[in-house]
Amino acid sequence: MVSSPDVTAILGINAYHPDASAVLLCDGKIVAAVAEERLGERIKHCTGFPGQAIQTVLKLGGLRLGDVDHVALGQDNNANKKQKIAYSLSHPINSARVATAHIWRRRQMHSLHKQLAGTCGVDVSEARFQLHHVEHHLAHVASAFFASPFERAAGFSYDGSGDFASSMYARCEGNRIEPFDRVYVPHSLGFFYTSICQFIGFDTFGDEYKVMGLSAYGNPVYLDVMRKLLRTNGQGRFWLAKRYFNPFGGRAFGANIGRRIWLPNLYDDRLIELFGLPRKRGEEITQRDKDLAASCQKRFEEAVLECVRWLHKQVGGQNIVTAGGCALNGVCNARVPLDTPFANYYIQPAASDDGTALGAALYVWNAVLNQPRIEPMDHAFLGPEHSVEAMEQALKDKALNYQRFDEPALLDRVATHLAGGHVTGWYQGRSEWGPRALGNRSILAHPGWPGMKDLINAKIKRREPFRPFAPTILREEVANYFEHAMESPFMMHVVKIRPEKRQALAAVCHEDSTGRLHSVSRSQNRLYYDLIKTFAAKTQLPVVLNTSFNENEPIVDSPAQAVECFVRTDMDVLCLGPFVTVKPNIPAGN
């Protein structure tokens, strides 16, 4: 894009909060979006100021800081003051510690013009933008509604906490979002889930999705206890049993003043009275731990569905949009259109806190400037793209033998490797926005190859053996392989695989016979779609195993990172743009 005085440029930012990120809108169109964790130091769920993300999206848009008309922040320190004061008066010790980090973050944001100028290497006089603060959960709802195809919808945001709320209910129509209710901390569905995760030894920020996977191996034998720990009333309210939880861990949630998130203990030791001693990270996972995971997941689903049904009574209609970290729970997501009156469900690909940068920017464009809605977001390929020359140089730097192919030959060669059981790194085009690899920064494999799941977990991803992989399937084939024909372009739904297809999809069929569905149409990702189509011609399977291109790190960004990951793991094949390289023990293919 070329800078033009006729273009309205909006820079959206999530800063000093988990999943720091930046988004650029030009006349309402999403030009670029990237999380800070993919760049620079590559720290997962990076907090702090997203300096490199900001530089990247401006570069992708062909803009300088002086071209930016508006900067939108997905946080508002002035939101929910009454509730903050009430909590502070009743919890003076905790509040003093929370306030320390809050004041520090507030000071940083007050110097935003200087920070942005310094980040972009320009004089502060060039930072002529108008600054907007958008409440955390309002930004979440905006990220989903304004990117959705709906003219009218119910909005539901839910996570751990943001601007002192843990959830928001809203009516959404046209260019307006009307929040009509909130639940405030310390009561939080996100804190509930994370607390149980910590108790069973998954104590790192972002481990919740692991426990969702582990839940398939357990039975909800503790469900009655979970219902006492998390109470609901059918009116959109939920409460944590205070004596068993410490939502701020005695300190501010994620209160480190650096770039890594430090997660305090969110549960009270009184949980030991109910469940016995907590598991420590690295210890054996027992049946009790699996049952706790299943019970936690089940209670979480119950509570969410209860809230969603109440929301429908308030708003009506068939459309719902959701966002927030809890909206990444694919098992729960799949139940919403099946077990509530909402038939149509939209979640954008970066539903967690990185998405507040998008939501804040879209809110300014639509609700503040009252500009027309953008085309619905139906793909996530909004991140950096690297040149063919950079790809070839990365291969040369590691002294790898490689071949270059035209597109038809490339697809045939890679499909042949996949059909032969070879685990293949697939690196193409622009990177995905959000936490999921959706076919441009992916590791791919045959979905039914014997032992494939265990092999990738042990020798490539080097992670827990119970962790599942996603099936990417051609959109038109979903109904033939899954019990519910949902469209899931952003891998946000966990759906039952048909009984007669489970053996053919053994490597992506989870313990409870589900798969984390990723549907793809040709209009969303032409090259990836055509690869699966070519693979299907060889195997009669319109499905591939898909997992993120990384090994206990953020998803790879640069070609050099992709090559490094390929070299240090037991991946068999790497397809880097038009180039293919294979390990010495792997046949070259036909």
Foldseek 3Di string as FASTA:
>chain_A
DAQDLVWAKEKFWEAQFFQTWIWIDTLQHTQFIDTLLQDDPNAHRWHHGSLVRRVFNCVSVNHALLSHAEYFYLADLPPPVVVLVVVCVVPVQQSVQQVVLVVVVVVVVVCVLVVNCVSRVHDSVSNNYHYYYHHNQLLLQLLWPLQAPDQWAWEKEAACDTSQFGMWTWTHHFLDTGTDDTHGPPFGLHLLQQLLCVLQANNAPPCSVVLLLLLLVAAQPCQVVSCVQWPDDLQLDIGGPVVFFQSCLSHHAQSDPGTGGDGHNGTDPCVCVVQNHGHHHPDDRDRSSNNSSNSSVVNSLVSVLSNVQNSCVVHPDQEYEYAEPVLLSQASVQCNCVPHSRVYYTYDQARYSSSSSVSRRSSCSCVVVVRGRDHRDPAFQRADDDDPVQLVVLCVVVPFDKDFDDQVVLLLQVLQCQLVFAWEFAADHGAGHHQFGQQHQKTKHQQQPPPNLQCCCVFQQVHDSSDAWAKEAELVCQVVFFVDSDADQNLRHKTATDPVCCNSRVRQQHSNRIGSYHYDYCVHPVSRQVSLVSSCVVPVGSIITIGAQDHPTGGHHGSNRSVVSPVRTPRAWYDHYRMITGPPVDDSGD
